[in-house]
């Protein structure tokens, strides 16, 4: 019986459960939002929000305590230098859980958990970069196509030379066969 046990187990032992939420917390801080199961998202709030609260003070002890959970140094640096200052005046409630459609395979309830007010921090400049990348890709394809066109005549010339050599060899063989046939006839 689970007398007085408030924490969910998520059908995992202590070590794998801790590893799961360390990974989810790291991903959330790194990307700003993640999609996961509804219950995991609700539990993850209790993991991430104390980390952000500790990061707001920024003392060495707090940095060490947060580093016990967030192992990625880049994410840790981002938490203390970029994320924590966003919530300087906020007393809590740094995350938002949005319900999503059920997962098609097993009909599990899904949720999107995100950091509130961090849209500017995680905003991607995809339209500009994506358009530029597409143009670069098209140009690269054109260059490759032109290079292939230039190579093709060389290949055609090689094939023509091989065909001519084969024809010459066939002619020589026919001549030799005729000579052998004439010798046998005599």
C-alpha atoms as a PDB file:
ATOM      1  CA  UNK A   1       0.000   0.000   0.000  1.00  0.00           C
ATOM      2  CA  UNK A   2       1.102   3.533  -0.710  1.00  0.00           C
ATOM      3  CA  UNK A   3       0.399   5.148   2.664  1.00  0.00           C
ATOM      4  CA  UNK A   4       1.579   8.742   2.594  1.00  0.00           C
ATOM      5  CA  UNK A   5       3.405   8.360  -0.711  1.00  0.00           C
ATOM      6  CA  UNK A   6       2.690  11.393  -2.871  1.00  0.00           C
ATOM      7  CA  UNK A   7       5.187  10.884  -5.683  1.00  0.00           C
ATOM      8  CA  UNK A   8       4.207   8.857  -8.723  1.00  0.00           C
ATOM      9  CA  UNK A   9       6.462   5.984  -9.738  1.00  0.00           C
ATOM     10  CA  UNK A  10       5.785   5.944 -13.490  1.00  0.00           C
ATOM     11  CA  UNK A  11       6.377   2.158 -13.418  1.00  0.00           C
ATOM     12  CA  UNK A  12      10.092   2.726 -12.845  1.00  0.00           C
ATOM     13  CA  UNK A  13      12.545   2.170 -10.057  1.00  0.00           C
ATOM     14  CA  UNK A  14      14.146   5.186  -8.397  1.00  0.00           C
ATOM     15  CA  UNK A  15      17.251   5.394 -10.624  1.00  0.00           C
ATOM     16  CA  UNK A  16      15.524   5.187 -14.016  1.00  0.00           C
ATOM     17  CA  UNK A  17      12.780   7.548 -12.815  1.00  0.00           C
ATOM     18  CA  UNK A  18      15.362  10.119 -11.707  1.00  0.00           C
ATOM     19  CA  UNK A  19      17.232   9.764 -15.009  1.00  0.00           C
ATOM     20  CA  UNK A  20      13.981  10.258 -16.925  1.00  0.00           C
ATOM     21  CA  UNK A  21      13.196  13.548 -15.207  1.00  0.00           C
ATOM     22  CA  UNK A  22      16.788  14.774 -15.373  1.00  0.00           C
ATOM     23  CA  UNK A  23      16.631  14.264 -19.134  1.00  0.00           C
ATOM     24  CA  UNK A  24      13.205  15.871 -19.458  1.00  0.00           C
ATOM     25  CA  UNK A  25      14.279  18.871 -17.354  1.00  0.00           C
ATOM     26  CA  UNK A  26      17.442  19.315 -19.412  1.00  0.00           C
ATOM     27  CA  UNK A  27      15.472  19.130 -22.654  1.00  0.00           C
ATOM     28  CA  UNK A  28      12.888  21.626 -21.395  1.00  0.00           C
ATOM     29  CA  UNK A  29      15.543  24.129 -20.391  1.00  0.00           C
ATOM     30  CA  UNK A  30      17.440  23.589 -23.614  1.00  0.00           C
ATOM     31  CA  UNK A  31      14.532  23.865 -26.064  1.00  0.00           C
ATOM     32  CA  UNK A  32      11.958  25.879 -24.127  1.00  0.00           C
ATOM     33  CA  UNK A  33       9.135  23.418 -24.740  1.00  0.00           C
ATOM     34  CA  UNK A  34       8.762  19.675 -25.046  1.00  0.00           C
ATOM     35  CA  UNK A  35       5.953  17.253 -25.812  1.00  0.00           C
ATOM     36  CA  UNK A  36       5.478  14.397 -23.353  1.00  0.00           C
ATOM     37  CA  UNK A  37       2.813  12.496 -21.464  1.00  0.00           C
ATOM     38  CA  UNK A  38       0.396  14.565 -19.405  1.00  0.00           C
ATOM     39  CA  UNK A  39       1.341  13.043 -16.038  1.00  0.00           C
ATOM     40  CA  UNK A  40       5.053  13.361 -16.784  1.00  0.00           C
ATOM     41  CA  UNK A  41       4.561  17.007 -17.740  1.00  0.00           C
ATOM     42  CA  UNK A  42       2.713  17.722 -14.495  1.00  0.00           C
ATOM     43  CA  UNK A  43       5.427  16.011 -12.458  1.00  0.00           C
ATOM     44  CA  UNK A  44       8.161  17.793 -14.408  1.00  0.00           C
ATOM     45  CA  UNK A  45       6.879  21.160 -13.166  1.00  0.00           C
ATOM     46  CA  UNK A  46       7.917  20.149  -9.667  1.00  0.00           C
ATOM     47  CA  UNK A  47      11.413  19.362 -10.925  1.00  0.00           C
ATOM     48  CA  UNK A  48      12.052  22.394 -13.139  1.00  0.00           C
ATOM     49  CA  UNK A  49      10.502  25.216 -11.143  1.00  0.00           C
ATOM     50  CA  UNK A  50      12.771  24.791  -8.079  1.00  0.00           C
ATOM     51  CA  UNK A  51      15.757  24.782 -10.434  1.00  0.00           C
ATOM     52  CA  UNK A  52      14.706  28.120 -11.902  1.00  0.00           C
ATOM     53  CA  UNK A  53      14.074  29.531  -8.409  1.00  0.00           C
ATOM     54  CA  UNK A  54      17.580  28.530  -7.346  1.00  0.00           C
ATOM     55  CA  UNK A  55      19.037  29.935 -10.577  1.00  0.00           C
ATOM     56  CA  UNK A  56      17.445  33.318  -9.869  1.00  0.00           C
ATOM     57  CA  UNK A  57      19.611  33.840  -6.801  1.00  0.00           C
ATOM     58  CA  UNK A  58      22.690  32.618  -8.651  1.00  0.00           C
ATOM     59  CA  UNK A  59      24.919  31.877  -5.654  1.00  0.00           C
ATOM     60  CA  UNK A  60      27.688  29.324  -5.937  1.00  0.00           C
ATOM     61  CA  UNK A  61      25.823  26.889  -3.683  1.00  0.00           C
ATOM     62  CA  UNK A  62      22.698  27.196  -5.837  1.00  0.00           C
ATOM     63  CA  UNK A  63      24.767  26.614  -8.963  1.00  0.00           C
ATOM     64  CA  UNK A  64      26.196  23.446  -7.426  1.00  0.00           C
ATOM     65  CA  UNK A  65      22.779  22.200  -6.336  1.00  0.00           C
ATOM     66  CA  UNK A  66      21.328  22.762  -9.811  1.00  0.00           C
ATOM     67  CA  UNK A  67      24.378  21.113 -11.380  1.00  0.00           C
ATOM     68  CA  UNK A  68      23.510  17.944  -9.441  1.00  0.00           C
ATOM     69  CA  UNK A  69      20.402  17.669 -11.625  1.00  0.00           C
ATOM     70  CA  UNK A  70      21.369  19.406 -14.877  1.00  0.00           C
ATOM     71  CA  UNK A  71      24.546  17.701 -16.090  1.00  0.00           C
ATOM     72  CA  UNK A  72      24.912  19.525 -19.407  1.00  0.00           C
ATOM     73  CA  UNK A  73      27.217  22.536 -18.843  1.00  0.00           C
ATOM     74  CA  UNK A  74      25.793  24.527 -21.782  1.00  0.00           C
ATOM     75  CA  UNK A  75      22.232  24.113 -20.506  1.00  0.00           C
ATOM     76  CA  UNK A  76      23.374  25.022 -16.984  1.00  0.00           C
ATOM     77  CA  UNK A  77      25.044  28.182 -18.275  1.00  0.00           C
ATOM     78  CA  UNK A  78      21.928  29.045 -20.287  1.00  0.00           C
ATOM     79  CA  UNK A  79      19.737  28.567 -17.213  1.00  0.00           C
ATOM     80  CA  UNK A  80      21.772  30.936 -15.061  1.00  0.00           C
ATOM     81  CA  UNK A  81      22.602  33.578 -17.688  1.00  0.00           C
ATOM     82  CA  UNK A  82      19.487  33.705 -19.897  1.00  0.00           C
ATOM     83  CA  UNK A  83      16.486  31.918 -18.379  1.00  0.00           C
ATOM     84  CA  UNK A  84      16.711  32.991 -14.716  1.00  0.00           C
ATOM     85  CA  UNK A  85      16.884  36.742 -15.490  1.00  0.00           C
ATOM     86  CA  UNK A  86      13.586  36.422 -17.405  1.00  0.00           C
ATOM     87  CA  UNK A  87      11.830  35.428 -14.184  1.00  0.00           C
ATOM     88  CA  UNK A  88      13.554  37.929 -11.894  1.00  0.00           C
ATOM     89  CA  UNK A  89      10.268  39.589 -10.866  1.00  0.00           C
ATOM     90  CA  UNK A  90       8.132  36.444 -10.993  1.00  0.00           C
ATOM     91  CA  UNK A  91       7.608  34.504  -7.762  1.00  0.00           C
ATOM     92  CA  UNK A  92       6.716  31.156  -9.293  1.00  0.00           C
ATOM     93  CA  UNK A  93       4.758  29.396 -12.003  1.00  0.00           C
ATOM     94  CA  UNK A  94       7.492  29.395 -14.618  1.00  0.00           C
ATOM     95  CA  UNK A  95       6.000  26.590 -16.689  1.00  0.00           C
ATOM     96  CA  UNK A  96       2.745  26.024 -18.556  1.00  0.00           C
ATOM     97  CA  UNK A  97       1.193  22.629 -19.349  1.00  0.00           C
ATOM     98  CA  UNK A  98      -1.047  22.535 -22.410  1.00  0.00           C
ATOM     99  CA  UNK A  99      -3.204  19.483 -23.095  1.00  0.00           C
ATOM    100  CA  UNK A 100      -2.853  17.964 -26.563  1.00  0.00           C
ATOM    101  CA  UNK A 101      -4.555  15.234 -28.540  1.00  0.00           C
ATOM    102  CA  UNK A 102      -4.045  11.661 -27.449  1.00  0.00           C
ATOM    103  CA  UNK A 103      -1.127   9.705 -28.893  1.00  0.00           C
ATOM    104  CA  UNK A 104      -2.332   7.563 -31.831  1.00  0.00           C
ATOM    105  CA  UNK A 105      -0.574   4.331 -30.857  1.00  0.00           C
ATOM    106  CA  UNK A 106      -1.778   3.789 -27.308  1.00  0.00           C
ATOM    107  CA  UNK A 107      -4.221   6.690 -26.834  1.00  0.00           C
ATOM    108  CA  UNK A 108      -2.089   8.148 -24.025  1.00  0.00           C
ATOM    109  CA  UNK A 109      -2.872  11.692 -22.932  1.00  0.00           C
ATOM    110  CA  UNK A 110      -0.191  14.028 -24.260  1.00  0.00           C
ATOM    111  CA  UNK A 111       0.816  17.510 -23.155  1.00  0.00           C
ATOM    112  CA  UNK A 112       3.109  20.316 -24.181  1.00  0.00           C
ATOM    113  CA  UNK A 113       5.105  21.806 -21.331  1.00  0.00           C
ATOM    114  CA  UNK A 114       6.805  25.125 -21.956  1.00  0.00           C
ATOM    115  CA  UNK A 115       8.541  27.925 -20.120  1.00  0.00           C
ATOM    116  CA  UNK A 116       6.284  30.972 -19.795  1.00  0.00           C
ATOM    117  CA  UNK A 117       7.474  34.166 -21.462  1.00  0.00           C
ATOM    118  CA  UNK A 118      10.554  32.636 -23.046  1.00  0.00           C
ATOM    119  CA  UNK A 119       9.311  32.837 -26.646  1.00  0.00           C
ATOM    120  CA  UNK A 120      11.829  35.559 -27.470  1.00  0.00           C
ATOM    121  CA  UNK A 121      14.647  33.509 -25.971  1.00  0.00           C
ATOM    122  CA  UNK A 122      13.829  30.386 -27.994  1.00  0.00           C
ATOM    123  CA  UNK A 123      12.486  32.096 -31.103  1.00  0.00           C
ATOM    124  CA  UNK A 124      13.978  30.556 -34.213  1.00  0.00           C
ATOM    125  CA  UNK A 125      14.708  32.577 -37.308  1.00  0.00           C
ATOM    126  CA  UNK A 126      13.591  29.778 -39.585  1.00  0.00           C
ATOM    127  CA  UNK A 127      11.885  31.760 -42.329  1.00  0.00           C
ATOM    128  CA  UNK A 128      15.001  33.739 -43.219  1.00  0.00           C
ATOM    129  CA  UNK A 129      17.484  30.954 -42.629  1.00  0.00           C
ATOM    130  CA  UNK A 130      15.241  28.314 -44.174  1.00  0.00           C
ATOM    131  CA  UNK A 131      14.741  30.379 -47.319  1.00  0.00           C
ATOM    132  CA  UNK A 132      18.460  31.013 -47.532  1.00  0.00           C
ATOM    133  CA  UNK A 133      19.205  27.341 -46.993  1.00  0.00           C
ATOM    134  CA  UNK A 134      16.753  26.386 -49.740  1.00  0.00           C
ATOM    135  CA  UNK A 135      18.393  28.826 -52.138  1.00  0.00           C
ATOM    136  CA  UNK A 136      21.821  27.468 -51.262  1.00  0.00           C
ATOM    137  CA  UNK A 137      20.579  23.926 -51.799  1.00  0.00           C
ATOM    138  CA  UNK A 138      19.126  24.839 -55.208  1.00  0.00           C
ATOM    139  CA  UNK A 139      22.366  26.525 -56.218  1.00  0.00           C
ATOM    140  CA  UNK A 140      24.339  23.489 -55.089  1.00  0.00           C
ATOM    141  CA  UNK A 141      22.072  21.228 -57.154  1.00  0.00           C
ATOM    142  CA  UNK A 142      22.571  23.455 -60.194  1.00  0.00           C
ATOM    143  CA  UNK A 143      26.323  23.354 -59.754  1.00  0.00           C
ATOM    144  CA  UNK A 144      26.251  19.559 -59.429  1.00  0.00           C
ATOM    145  CA  UNK A 145      24.041  19.254 -62.507  1.00  0.00           C
ATOM    146  CA  UNK A 146      26.397  21.464 -64.524  1.00  0.00           C
ATOM    147  CA  UNK A 147      29.374  19.454 -63.330  1.00  0.00           C
ATOM    148  CA  UNK A 148      27.650  16.229 -64.361  1.00  0.00           C
ATOM    149  CA  UNK A 149      26.840  17.692 -67.768  1.00  0.00           C
ATOM    150  CA  UNK A 150      30.487  18.593 -68.197  1.00  0.00           C
ATOM    151  CA  UNK A 151      31.547  15.110 -67.114  1.00  0.00           C
ATOM    152  CA  UNK A 152      29.040  13.361 -69.343  1.00  0.00           C
ATOM    153  CA  UNK A 153      30.718  14.343 -72.639  1.00  0.00           C
ATOM    154  CA  UNK A 154      33.959  12.928 -71.314  1.00  0.00           C
ATOM    155  CA  UNK A 155      32.183   9.710 -70.385  1.00  0.00           C
ATOM    156  CA  UNK A 156      30.481   9.627 -73.779  1.00  0.00           C
ATOM    157  CA  UNK A 157      33.824  10.123 -75.494  1.00  0.00           C
ATOM    158  CA  UNK A 158      35.307   7.271 -73.473  1.00  0.00           C
ATOM    159  CA  UNK A 159      32.356   5.048 -74.359  1.00  0.00           C
ATOM    160  CA  UNK A 160      32.681   5.979 -78.058  1.00  0.00           C
ATOM    161  CA  UNK A 161      36.407   5.208 -77.964  1.00  0.00           C
ATOM    162  CA  UNK A 162      35.685   1.831 -76.361  1.00  0.00           C
ATOM    163  CA  UNK A 163      33.023   1.074 -78.970  1.00  0.00           C
ATOM    164  CA  UNK A 164      35.434   1.973 -81.786  1.00  0.00           C
ATOM    165  CA  UNK A 165      38.117  -0.228 -80.224  1.00  0.00           C
ATOM    166  CA  UNK A 166      35.634  -3.096 -79.991  1.00  0.00           C
ATOM    167  CA  UNK A 167      34.659  -2.615 -83.646  1.00  0.00           C
ATOM    168  CA  UNK A 168      38.313  -2.644 -84.680  1.00  0.00           C
ATOM    169  CA  UNK A 169      38.944  -5.782 -82.640  1.00  0.00           C
ATOM    170  CA  UNK A 170      35.897  -7.442 -84.245  1.00  0.00           C
ATOM    171  CA  UNK A 171      37.136  -6.490 -87.722  1.00  0.00           C
ATOM    172  CA  UNK A 172      40.571  -7.940 -86.953  1.00  0.00           C
ATOM    173  CA  UNK A 173      38.995 -11.109 -85.612  1.00  0.00           C
ATOM    174  CA  UNK A 174      36.846 -11.427 -88.746  1.00  0.00           C
ATOM    175  CA  UNK A 175      39.925 -10.953 -90.942  1.00  0.00           C
ATOM    176  CA  UNK A 176      41.784 -13.634 -89.007  1.00  0.00           C
ATOM    177  CA  UNK A 177      38.803 -15.981 -89.229  1.00  0.00           C
ATOM    178  CA  UNK A 178      38.640 -15.406 -93.010  1.00  0.00           C
ATOM    179  CA  UNK A 179      42.382 -16.078 -93.317  1.00  0.00           C
ATOM    180  CA  UNK A 180      42.021 -19.288 -91.308  1.00  0.00           C
ATOM    181  CA  UNK A 181      39.037 -20.322 -93.411  1.00  0.00           C
ATOM    182  CA  UNK A 182      40.987 -19.618 -96.665  1.00  0.00           C
ATOM    183  CA  UNK A 183      43.973 -21.627 -95.368  1.00  0.00           C
ATOM    184  CA  UNK A 184      41.730 -24.557 -94.526  1.00  0.00           C
ATOM    185  CA  UNK A 185      40.050 -24.326 -97.914  1.00  0.00           C
ATOM    186  CA  UNK A 186      43.403 -24.475 -99.744  1.00  0.00           C
END
